[in-house]
């Protein structure tokens, strides 16, 4: 698995990593979630070629201005949001087919995760939790979207929340 975490600011372009974000924790969350969701479903040859899940995930930590612009452009909503997900596949079955396909062992792009750090910080204060926990939660939430989960219907929302809490509990990250 390749997890590519980038930091940017609309005014300054790319910038340095932010100490409020625990990249190791985000990587552990990704490995745990992907193992739980995909490992049992993959062809043994795919795993032996790659040694681990051959996926690529892009994570961008952005400013309020950037996420507002993206939210407007892609969702038609002119406001700041906490996280956006841009999946490469409709669902995990499509991803699994690609992983087991002719290009097995090649890192397959799953999609992009975009997190607004300022919004995550506000939410961490509102929920009385750490910023590291909130950013990790937003990443887990977004990664589930990349796997095809959604929360538009009550049943979908309940299923997605169950997965989020299971992953966060397994990582010993509680509110």
N, C-alpha and C. Protein backbone atom coordinates (compact mmCIF):
# COMPACT_ATOMS: atom_id res chain seq x y z
N UNK A 1 0.84 -1.18 0.00
CA UNK A 1 0.00 0.00 0.00
C UNK A 1 0.89 1.24 0.00
N UNK A 2 0.55 2.14 -0.85
CA UNK A 2 1.23 3.44 -0.85
C UNK A 2 0.21 4.47 -0.39
N UNK A 3 0.57 5.19 0.66
CA UNK A 3 -0.27 6.25 1.20
C UNK A 3 0.50 7.55 1.00
N UNK A 4 0.03 8.39 0.10
CA UNK A 4 0.72 9.63 -0.26
C UNK A 4 0.00 10.80 0.40
N UNK A 5 0.60 11.37 1.47
CA UNK A 5 -0.03 12.46 2.20
C UNK A 5 0.65 13.78 1.82
N UNK A 6 -0.16 14.71 1.33
CA UNK A 6 0.33 16.02 0.90
C UNK A 6 -0.36 17.12 1.68
N UNK A 7 0.38 18.18 1.95
CA UNK A 7 -0.14 19.33 2.67
C UNK A 7 -0.09 20.53 1.74
N UNK A 8 -1.18 21.29 1.69
CA UNK A 8 -1.15 22.48 0.84
C UNK A 8 -1.97 23.59 1.47
N UNK A 9 -1.70 24.77 0.99
CA UNK A 9 -2.41 25.97 1.43
C UNK A 9 -2.64 26.79 0.17
N UNK A 10 -3.85 27.24 -0.04
CA UNK A 10 -4.17 27.98 -1.26
C UNK A 10 -3.26 29.17 -1.46
N UNK A 11 -2.86 29.82 -0.38
CA UNK A 11 -2.03 31.01 -0.49
C UNK A 11 -0.56 30.68 -0.74
N UNK A 12 -0.11 29.52 -0.23
CA UNK A 12 1.32 29.22 -0.28
C UNK A 12 1.68 27.98 -1.09
N UNK A 13 0.72 27.28 -1.61
CA UNK A 13 1.00 26.05 -2.34
C UNK A 13 1.35 24.93 -1.37
N UNK A 14 2.23 24.03 -1.79
CA UNK A 14 2.62 22.92 -0.90
C UNK A 14 3.33 23.46 0.32
N UNK A 15 3.10 22.80 1.44
CA UNK A 15 3.77 23.21 2.67
C UNK A 15 4.20 21.98 3.45
N UNK A 16 4.85 22.20 4.56
CA UNK A 16 5.41 21.12 5.37
C UNK A 16 4.32 20.35 6.11
N UNK A 17 4.69 19.14 6.54
CA UNK A 17 3.79 18.32 7.34
C UNK A 17 3.37 19.08 8.60
N UNK A 18 2.21 18.76 9.09
CA UNK A 18 1.65 19.43 10.26
C UNK A 18 1.69 18.48 11.45
N UNK A 19 2.23 18.95 12.56
CA UNK A 19 2.39 18.10 13.75
C UNK A 19 1.07 17.66 14.35
N UNK A 20 -0.03 18.31 13.97
CA UNK A 20 -1.34 17.92 14.48
C UNK A 20 -1.85 16.64 13.84
N UNK A 21 -1.15 16.17 12.81
CA UNK A 21 -1.56 14.98 12.09
C UNK A 21 -0.57 13.86 12.36
N UNK A 22 -1.08 12.72 12.77
CA UNK A 22 -0.26 11.54 13.04
C UNK A 22 -0.31 10.64 11.80
N UNK A 23 0.68 10.80 10.91
CA UNK A 23 0.69 10.04 9.67
C UNK A 23 0.80 8.54 9.92
N UNK A 24 1.53 8.15 10.96
CA UNK A 24 1.64 6.73 11.30
C UNK A 24 0.29 6.15 11.69
N UNK A 25 -0.49 6.90 12.42
CA UNK A 25 -1.82 6.46 12.83
C UNK A 25 -2.74 6.34 11.62
N UNK A 26 -2.65 7.28 10.71
CA UNK A 26 -3.45 7.21 9.48
C UNK A 26 -3.06 5.98 8.67
N UNK A 27 -1.77 5.70 8.58
CA UNK A 27 -1.33 4.51 7.85
C UNK A 27 -1.83 3.23 8.51
N UNK A 28 -1.76 3.17 9.85
CA UNK A 28 -2.28 2.00 10.57
C UNK A 28 -3.78 1.84 10.32
N UNK A 29 -4.50 2.95 10.33
CA UNK A 29 -5.95 2.90 10.07
C UNK A 29 -6.22 2.35 8.67
N UNK A 30 -5.45 2.81 7.69
CA UNK A 30 -5.63 2.33 6.31
C UNK A 30 -5.35 0.84 6.22
N UNK A 31 -4.25 0.40 6.79
CA UNK A 31 -3.90 -1.02 6.72
C UNK A 31 -4.96 -1.88 7.41
N UNK A 32 -5.41 -1.44 8.57
CA UNK A 32 -6.41 -2.21 9.31
C UNK A 32 -7.73 -2.28 8.54
N UNK A 33 -8.19 -1.14 8.06
CA UNK A 33 -9.46 -1.11 7.34
C UNK A 33 -9.39 -1.92 6.06
N UNK A 34 -8.33 -1.76 5.30
CA UNK A 34 -8.20 -2.50 4.04
C UNK A 34 -8.08 -4.00 4.28
N UNK A 35 -7.36 -4.38 5.33
CA UNK A 35 -7.26 -5.80 5.67
C UNK A 35 -8.64 -6.36 6.02
N UNK A 36 -9.38 -5.62 6.82
CA UNK A 36 -10.71 -6.07 7.24
C UNK A 36 -11.67 -6.17 6.06
N UNK A 37 -11.56 -5.25 5.12
CA UNK A 37 -12.51 -5.19 4.01
C UNK A 37 -12.11 -6.03 2.79
N UNK A 38 -10.80 -6.22 2.57
CA UNK A 38 -10.38 -6.80 1.29
C UNK A 38 -9.59 -8.10 1.37
N UNK A 39 -8.78 -8.29 2.39
CA UNK A 39 -7.83 -9.41 2.38
C UNK A 39 -8.48 -10.76 2.16
N UNK A 40 -9.57 -11.04 2.82
CA UNK A 40 -10.23 -12.34 2.68
C UNK A 40 -10.84 -12.56 1.32
N UNK A 41 -10.96 -11.51 0.53
CA UNK A 41 -11.62 -11.59 -0.77
C UNK A 41 -10.64 -11.64 -1.94
N UNK A 42 -9.35 -11.44 -1.66
CA UNK A 42 -8.37 -11.37 -2.74
C UNK A 42 -7.80 -12.74 -3.09
N UNK A 43 -7.49 -12.89 -4.34
CA UNK A 43 -6.83 -14.08 -4.85
C UNK A 43 -5.45 -14.20 -4.20
N UNK A 44 -5.06 -15.41 -3.82
CA UNK A 44 -3.77 -15.64 -3.16
C UNK A 44 -2.59 -15.18 -4.02
N UNK A 45 -2.69 -15.36 -5.33
CA UNK A 45 -1.61 -14.95 -6.23
C UNK A 45 -1.40 -13.44 -6.19
N UNK A 46 -2.48 -12.70 -6.07
CA UNK A 46 -2.38 -11.24 -5.99
C UNK A 46 -1.59 -10.84 -4.77
N UNK A 47 -1.90 -11.45 -3.64
CA UNK A 47 -1.21 -11.12 -2.40
C UNK A 47 0.25 -11.54 -2.43
N UNK A 48 0.53 -12.71 -2.99
CA UNK A 48 1.92 -13.18 -3.00
C UNK A 48 2.79 -12.33 -3.92
N UNK A 49 2.23 -11.81 -5.00
CA UNK A 49 2.99 -10.93 -5.90
C UNK A 49 3.31 -9.60 -5.21
N UNK A 50 2.35 -9.09 -4.49
CA UNK A 50 2.50 -7.75 -3.93
C UNK A 50 3.13 -7.75 -2.55
N UNK A 51 2.93 -8.80 -1.77
CA UNK A 51 3.43 -8.82 -0.41
C UNK A 51 2.51 -8.09 0.55
N UNK A 52 1.73 -7.19 0.05
CA UNK A 52 0.69 -6.47 0.80
C UNK A 52 -0.31 -5.97 -0.22
N UNK A 53 -1.33 -5.30 0.24
CA UNK A 53 -2.34 -4.81 -0.69
C UNK A 53 -1.73 -3.80 -1.66
N UNK A 54 -1.80 -4.08 -2.96
CA UNK A 54 -1.19 -3.19 -3.95
C UNK A 54 -2.11 -2.03 -4.35
N UNK A 55 -2.31 -1.12 -3.40
CA UNK A 55 -3.17 0.03 -3.68
C UNK A 55 -2.42 1.33 -3.40
N UNK A 56 -2.89 2.38 -4.02
CA UNK A 56 -2.34 3.72 -3.85
C UNK A 56 -3.49 4.63 -3.42
N UNK A 57 -3.27 5.36 -2.33
CA UNK A 57 -4.28 6.30 -1.82
C UNK A 57 -3.62 7.66 -1.68
N UNK A 58 -4.23 8.66 -2.28
CA UNK A 58 -3.75 10.03 -2.17
C UNK A 58 -4.55 10.75 -1.08
N UNK A 59 -3.83 11.40 -0.16
CA UNK A 59 -4.46 12.17 0.91
C UNK A 59 -3.94 13.60 0.83
N UNK A 60 -4.84 14.55 0.74
CA UNK A 60 -4.45 15.96 0.71
C UNK A 60 -5.05 16.66 1.93
N UNK A 61 -4.18 17.35 2.66
CA UNK A 61 -4.60 18.16 3.79
C UNK A 61 -4.63 19.60 3.28
N UNK A 62 -5.81 20.21 3.28
CA UNK A 62 -5.97 21.49 2.60
C UNK A 62 -6.60 22.56 3.50
N UNK A 63 -6.58 23.77 2.98
CA UNK A 63 -7.16 24.93 3.68
C UNK A 63 -8.67 24.97 3.45
N UNK A 64 -9.32 25.86 4.20
CA UNK A 64 -10.76 26.06 4.03
C UNK A 64 -11.10 26.52 2.62
N UNK A 65 -10.28 27.43 2.09
CA UNK A 65 -10.53 27.93 0.74
C UNK A 65 -10.48 26.83 -0.30
N UNK A 66 -9.50 25.94 -0.17
CA UNK A 66 -9.36 24.86 -1.15
C UNK A 66 -10.52 23.88 -1.08
N UNK A 67 -10.91 23.50 0.14
CA UNK A 67 -11.98 22.50 0.24
C UNK A 67 -13.32 23.12 -0.17
N UNK A 68 -13.50 24.38 0.11
CA UNK A 68 -14.73 25.07 -0.31
C UNK A 68 -14.81 25.08 -1.84
N UNK A 69 -13.69 25.38 -2.48
CA UNK A 69 -13.65 25.40 -3.95
C UNK A 69 -13.95 24.01 -4.52
N UNK A 70 -13.34 22.98 -3.95
CA UNK A 70 -13.59 21.61 -4.42
C UNK A 70 -15.03 21.20 -4.17
N UNK A 71 -15.56 21.55 -3.01
CA UNK A 71 -16.94 21.22 -2.66
C UNK A 71 -17.91 21.89 -3.64
N UNK A 72 -17.61 23.12 -4.01
CA UNK A 72 -18.44 23.82 -4.99
C UNK A 72 -18.34 23.21 -6.37
N UNK A 73 -17.12 22.92 -6.78
CA UNK A 73 -16.90 22.38 -8.13
C UNK A 73 -17.49 20.99 -8.31
N UNK A 74 -17.30 20.10 -7.34
CA UNK A 74 -17.68 18.70 -7.52
C UNK A 74 -19.02 18.32 -6.91
N UNK A 75 -19.50 19.10 -5.94
CA UNK A 75 -20.78 18.76 -5.30
C UNK A 75 -21.81 19.86 -5.44
N UNK A 76 -21.40 21.01 -5.99
CA UNK A 76 -22.33 22.12 -6.15
C UNK A 76 -22.73 22.76 -4.83
N UNK A 77 -21.89 22.60 -3.80
CA UNK A 77 -22.17 23.16 -2.47
C UNK A 77 -21.09 24.19 -2.15
N UNK A 78 -21.48 25.44 -2.04
CA UNK A 78 -20.53 26.52 -1.80
C UNK A 78 -20.32 26.73 -0.31
N UNK A 79 -19.66 25.76 0.33
CA UNK A 79 -19.35 25.90 1.75
C UNK A 79 -18.17 24.99 2.11
N UNK A 80 -17.60 25.27 3.26
CA UNK A 80 -16.50 24.46 3.78
C UNK A 80 -17.08 23.15 4.28
N UNK A 81 -16.36 22.06 4.08
CA UNK A 81 -16.73 20.76 4.63
C UNK A 81 -15.49 20.15 5.26
N UNK A 82 -15.66 19.07 5.99
CA UNK A 82 -14.52 18.47 6.68
C UNK A 82 -13.69 17.55 5.80
N UNK A 83 -14.35 16.76 4.96
CA UNK A 83 -13.63 15.79 4.14
C UNK A 83 -14.39 15.53 2.85
N UNK A 84 -13.64 15.33 1.78
CA UNK A 84 -14.21 14.94 0.49
C UNK A 84 -13.52 13.67 0.03
N UNK A 85 -14.26 12.84 -0.66
CA UNK A 85 -13.74 11.57 -1.18
C UNK A 85 -13.97 11.52 -2.68
N UNK A 86 -12.94 11.10 -3.40
CA UNK A 86 -13.03 10.98 -4.84
C UNK A 86 -12.61 9.56 -5.23
N UNK A 87 -13.57 8.61 -5.18
CA UNK A 87 -13.24 7.21 -5.44
C UNK A 87 -12.93 6.93 -6.91
N UNK A 88 -12.03 6.01 -7.12
CA UNK A 88 -11.69 5.55 -8.46
C UNK A 88 -12.69 4.48 -8.92
N UNK A 89 -13.31 3.79 -7.96
CA UNK A 89 -14.22 2.69 -8.26
C UNK A 89 -15.56 2.92 -7.59
N UNK A 90 -16.61 2.32 -8.14
CA UNK A 90 -17.95 2.44 -7.57
C UNK A 90 -18.06 1.72 -6.23
N UNK A 91 -17.37 0.58 -6.11
CA UNK A 91 -17.47 -0.22 -4.89
C UNK A 91 -16.25 -1.12 -4.75
N UNK A 92 -16.18 -1.85 -3.65
CA UNK A 92 -15.01 -2.69 -3.40
C UNK A 92 -14.93 -3.86 -4.37
N UNK A 93 -16.07 -4.32 -4.92
CA UNK A 93 -16.02 -5.41 -5.90
C UNK A 93 -15.26 -5.00 -7.15
N UNK A 94 -15.47 -3.77 -7.61
CA UNK A 94 -14.72 -3.27 -8.77
C UNK A 94 -13.23 -3.18 -8.46
N UNK A 95 -12.91 -2.71 -7.27
CA UNK A 95 -11.50 -2.63 -6.85
C UNK A 95 -10.89 -4.02 -6.79
N UNK A 96 -11.62 -4.98 -6.20
CA UNK A 96 -11.11 -6.35 -6.11
C UNK A 96 -10.87 -6.95 -7.49
N UNK A 97 -11.77 -6.70 -8.43
CA UNK A 97 -11.59 -7.20 -9.79
C UNK A 97 -10.32 -6.63 -10.41
N UNK A 98 -10.07 -5.36 -10.16
CA UNK A 98 -8.86 -4.72 -10.68
C UNK A 98 -7.61 -5.30 -10.01
N UNK A 99 -7.69 -5.52 -8.69
CA UNK A 99 -6.54 -6.06 -7.96
C UNK A 99 -6.22 -7.48 -8.39
N UNK A 100 -7.24 -8.26 -8.73
CA UNK A 100 -7.05 -9.64 -9.17
C UNK A 100 -6.81 -9.74 -10.68
N UNK A 101 -6.85 -8.62 -11.39
CA UNK A 101 -6.74 -8.62 -12.84
C UNK A 101 -5.33 -8.84 -13.34
N UNK A 102 -5.14 -8.58 -14.62
CA UNK A 102 -3.86 -8.80 -15.29
C UNK A 102 -2.73 -8.00 -14.69
N UNK A 103 -3.04 -6.88 -14.11
CA UNK A 103 -2.01 -6.01 -13.54
C UNK A 103 -1.77 -6.30 -12.06
N UNK A 104 -2.11 -7.50 -11.61
CA UNK A 104 -1.94 -7.85 -10.20
C UNK A 104 -0.51 -7.54 -9.76
N UNK A 105 -0.37 -6.92 -8.62
CA UNK A 105 0.94 -6.55 -8.09
C UNK A 105 1.29 -5.10 -8.36
N UNK A 106 0.59 -4.48 -9.30
CA UNK A 106 0.80 -3.07 -9.60
C UNK A 106 -0.09 -2.27 -8.64
N UNK A 107 0.43 -1.18 -8.11
CA UNK A 107 -0.37 -0.37 -7.19
C UNK A 107 -1.53 0.30 -7.94
N UNK A 108 -2.74 -0.07 -7.54
CA UNK A 108 -3.95 0.43 -8.17
C UNK A 108 -4.44 1.66 -7.39
N UNK A 109 -4.64 2.80 -8.06
CA UNK A 109 -5.16 3.97 -7.36
C UNK A 109 -6.60 3.73 -6.90
N UNK A 110 -6.83 3.90 -5.58
CA UNK A 110 -8.19 3.75 -5.03
C UNK A 110 -8.98 5.04 -5.14
N UNK A 111 -8.28 6.16 -5.09
CA UNK A 111 -8.95 7.45 -5.12
C UNK A 111 -8.24 8.47 -4.27
N UNK A 112 -8.91 9.59 -4.06
CA UNK A 112 -8.32 10.71 -3.33
C UNK A 112 -9.17 11.05 -2.11
N UNK A 113 -8.47 11.37 -1.03
CA UNK A 113 -9.08 11.84 0.21
C UNK A 113 -8.60 13.28 0.41
N UNK A 114 -9.53 14.19 0.67
CA UNK A 114 -9.17 15.59 0.90
C UNK A 114 -9.76 16.00 2.25
N UNK A 115 -8.88 16.40 3.18
CA UNK A 115 -9.29 16.75 4.54
C UNK A 115 -8.96 18.22 4.80
N UNK A 116 -9.93 18.94 5.34
CA UNK A 116 -9.73 20.34 5.75
C UNK A 116 -9.31 20.34 7.21
N UNK A 117 -8.05 20.69 7.46
CA UNK A 117 -7.51 20.64 8.82
C UNK A 117 -8.19 21.64 9.75
N UNK A 118 -8.50 22.83 9.25
CA UNK A 118 -9.17 23.83 10.09
C UNK A 118 -10.55 23.35 10.54
N UNK A 119 -11.29 22.73 9.63
CA UNK A 119 -12.62 22.20 9.98
C UNK A 119 -12.47 21.03 10.95
N UNK A 120 -11.48 20.19 10.72
CA UNK A 120 -11.24 19.06 11.63
C UNK A 120 -10.92 19.56 13.03
N UNK A 121 -10.16 20.64 13.10
CA UNK A 121 -9.81 21.20 14.41
C UNK A 121 -11.05 21.75 15.12
N UNK A 122 -11.91 22.43 14.38
CA UNK A 122 -13.16 22.93 14.99
C UNK A 122 -14.01 21.77 15.51
N UNK A 123 -14.09 20.72 14.71
CA UNK A 123 -14.89 19.56 15.12
C UNK A 123 -14.27 18.86 16.32
N UNK A 124 -12.96 18.81 16.39
CA UNK A 124 -12.33 18.16 17.55
C UNK A 124 -12.66 18.93 18.83
N UNK A 125 -12.73 20.24 18.73
CA UNK A 125 -13.11 21.05 19.89
C UNK A 125 -14.58 20.84 20.24
N UNK A 126 -15.42 20.81 19.22
CA UNK A 126 -16.86 20.60 19.44
C UNK A 126 -17.13 19.24 20.08
N UNK A 127 -16.43 18.20 19.62
CA UNK A 127 -16.64 16.84 20.13
C UNK A 127 -15.76 16.52 21.33
N UNK A 128 -14.95 17.50 21.73
CA UNK A 128 -14.04 17.35 22.87
C UNK A 128 -13.13 16.13 22.72
N UNK A 129 -12.44 16.10 21.59
CA UNK A 129 -11.51 15.03 21.29
C UNK A 129 -10.24 15.66 20.71
N UNK A 130 -9.23 14.85 20.48
CA UNK A 130 -7.98 15.39 19.95
C UNK A 130 -8.08 15.61 18.44
N UNK A 131 -7.29 16.53 17.94
CA UNK A 131 -7.26 16.77 16.50
C UNK A 131 -6.74 15.54 15.76
N UNK A 132 -5.79 14.82 16.37
CA UNK A 132 -5.27 13.61 15.72
C UNK A 132 -6.36 12.57 15.57
N UNK A 133 -7.21 12.44 16.59
CA UNK A 133 -8.31 11.49 16.52
C UNK A 133 -9.31 11.91 15.44
N UNK A 134 -9.63 13.19 15.39
CA UNK A 134 -10.61 13.67 14.42
C UNK A 134 -10.12 13.50 12.99
N UNK A 135 -8.85 13.82 12.74
CA UNK A 135 -8.30 13.65 11.39
C UNK A 135 -8.29 12.17 11.01
N UNK A 136 -7.92 11.31 11.94
CA UNK A 136 -7.92 9.87 11.65
C UNK A 136 -9.33 9.38 11.37
N UNK A 137 -10.30 9.83 12.16
CA UNK A 137 -11.70 9.46 11.92
C UNK A 137 -12.14 9.92 10.53
N UNK A 138 -11.83 11.15 10.16
CA UNK A 138 -12.22 11.65 8.84
C UNK A 138 -11.56 10.83 7.73
N UNK A 139 -10.31 10.41 7.95
CA UNK A 139 -9.64 9.56 6.96
C UNK A 139 -10.36 8.22 6.83
N UNK A 140 -10.68 7.59 7.96
CA UNK A 140 -11.39 6.30 7.95
C UNK A 140 -12.73 6.47 7.23
N UNK A 141 -13.46 7.51 7.55
CA UNK A 141 -14.75 7.80 6.92
C UNK A 141 -14.58 7.91 5.40
N UNK A 142 -13.59 8.66 4.98
CA UNK A 142 -13.36 8.86 3.55
C UNK A 142 -12.91 7.58 2.86
N UNK A 143 -12.06 6.81 3.54
CA UNK A 143 -11.59 5.55 2.96
C UNK A 143 -12.76 4.58 2.76
N UNK A 144 -13.72 4.59 3.67
CA UNK A 144 -14.92 3.77 3.47
C UNK A 144 -15.68 4.23 2.23
N UNK A 145 -15.73 5.54 1.98
CA UNK A 145 -16.34 6.03 0.74
C UNK A 145 -15.58 5.50 -0.48
N UNK A 146 -14.25 5.46 -0.40
CA UNK A 146 -13.46 4.94 -1.52
C UNK A 146 -13.76 3.46 -1.78
N UNK A 147 -14.24 2.77 -0.75
CA UNK A 147 -14.61 1.35 -0.89
C UNK A 147 -16.08 1.17 -1.26
N UNK A 148 -16.79 2.27 -1.47
CA UNK A 148 -18.17 2.18 -1.93
C UNK A 148 -19.23 2.38 -0.88
N UNK A 149 -18.86 2.62 0.35
CA UNK A 149 -19.85 2.86 1.41
C UNK A 149 -20.41 4.28 1.27
N UNK A 150 -21.64 4.45 1.74
CA UNK A 150 -22.27 5.77 1.72
C UNK A 150 -23.16 5.92 2.94
N UNK A 151 -23.71 7.11 3.13
CA UNK A 151 -24.56 7.35 4.29
C UNK A 151 -25.76 8.22 3.93
N UNK A 152 -26.25 8.05 2.72
CA UNK A 152 -27.40 8.84 2.28
C UNK A 152 -28.72 8.29 2.84
N UNK A 153 -28.79 7.00 3.04
CA UNK A 153 -29.98 6.35 3.60
C UNK A 153 -29.69 5.92 5.04
N UNK A 154 -30.69 5.86 5.91
CA UNK A 154 -30.46 5.50 7.31
C UNK A 154 -29.74 4.16 7.50
N UNK A 155 -30.09 3.16 6.69
CA UNK A 155 -29.44 1.85 6.82
C UNK A 155 -27.97 1.93 6.43
N UNK A 156 -27.70 2.67 5.34
CA UNK A 156 -26.31 2.86 4.90
C UNK A 156 -25.51 3.60 5.96
N UNK A 157 -26.12 4.62 6.53
CA UNK A 157 -25.44 5.42 7.55
C UNK A 157 -25.10 4.56 8.76
N UNK A 158 -26.05 3.73 9.19
CA UNK A 158 -25.81 2.85 10.34
C UNK A 158 -24.67 1.87 10.06
N UNK A 159 -24.66 1.30 8.85
CA UNK A 159 -23.60 0.36 8.48
C UNK A 159 -22.24 1.05 8.44
N UNK A 160 -22.21 2.24 7.86
CA UNK A 160 -20.95 2.97 7.76
C UNK A 160 -20.44 3.36 9.14
N UNK A 161 -21.32 3.84 10.00
CA UNK A 161 -20.92 4.22 11.37
C UNK A 161 -20.39 3.01 12.13
N UNK A 162 -21.01 1.86 11.92
CA UNK A 162 -20.54 0.63 12.58
C UNK A 162 -19.11 0.31 12.16
N UNK A 163 -18.84 0.41 10.87
CA UNK A 163 -17.48 0.15 10.36
C UNK A 163 -16.49 1.18 10.92
N UNK A 164 -16.88 2.44 10.93
CA UNK A 164 -16.00 3.49 11.46
C UNK A 164 -15.64 3.22 12.92
N UNK A 165 -16.64 2.93 13.72
CA UNK A 165 -16.40 2.70 15.15
C UNK A 165 -15.57 1.44 15.38
N UNK A 166 -15.81 0.41 14.58
CA UNK A 166 -15.03 -0.83 14.72
C UNK A 166 -13.55 -0.57 14.44
N UNK A 167 -13.27 0.18 13.40
CA UNK A 167 -11.88 0.49 13.05
C UNK A 167 -11.24 1.37 14.12
N UNK A 168 -11.94 2.40 14.55
CA UNK A 168 -11.39 3.31 15.56
C UNK A 168 -11.16 2.58 16.88
N UNK A 169 -12.05 1.69 17.25
CA UNK A 169 -11.89 0.91 18.48
C UNK A 169 -10.71 -0.04 18.35
N UNK A 170 -10.56 -0.68 17.19
CA UNK A 170 -9.44 -1.59 16.97
C UNK A 170 -8.10 -0.86 17.06
N UNK A 171 -8.09 0.41 16.70
CA UNK A 171 -6.88 1.22 16.79
C UNK A 171 -6.72 1.86 18.16
N UNK A 172 -7.68 1.59 19.05
CA UNK A 172 -7.70 2.13 20.41
C UNK A 172 -7.77 3.66 20.39
N UNK A 173 -8.62 4.17 19.49
CA UNK A 173 -8.84 5.60 19.37
C UNK A 173 -10.31 5.85 19.66
N UNK A 174 -10.59 6.27 20.86
CA UNK A 174 -11.98 6.51 21.25
C UNK A 174 -12.21 7.99 21.49
N UNK A 175 -13.47 8.37 21.45
CA UNK A 175 -13.83 9.77 21.73
C UNK A 175 -13.61 10.07 23.18
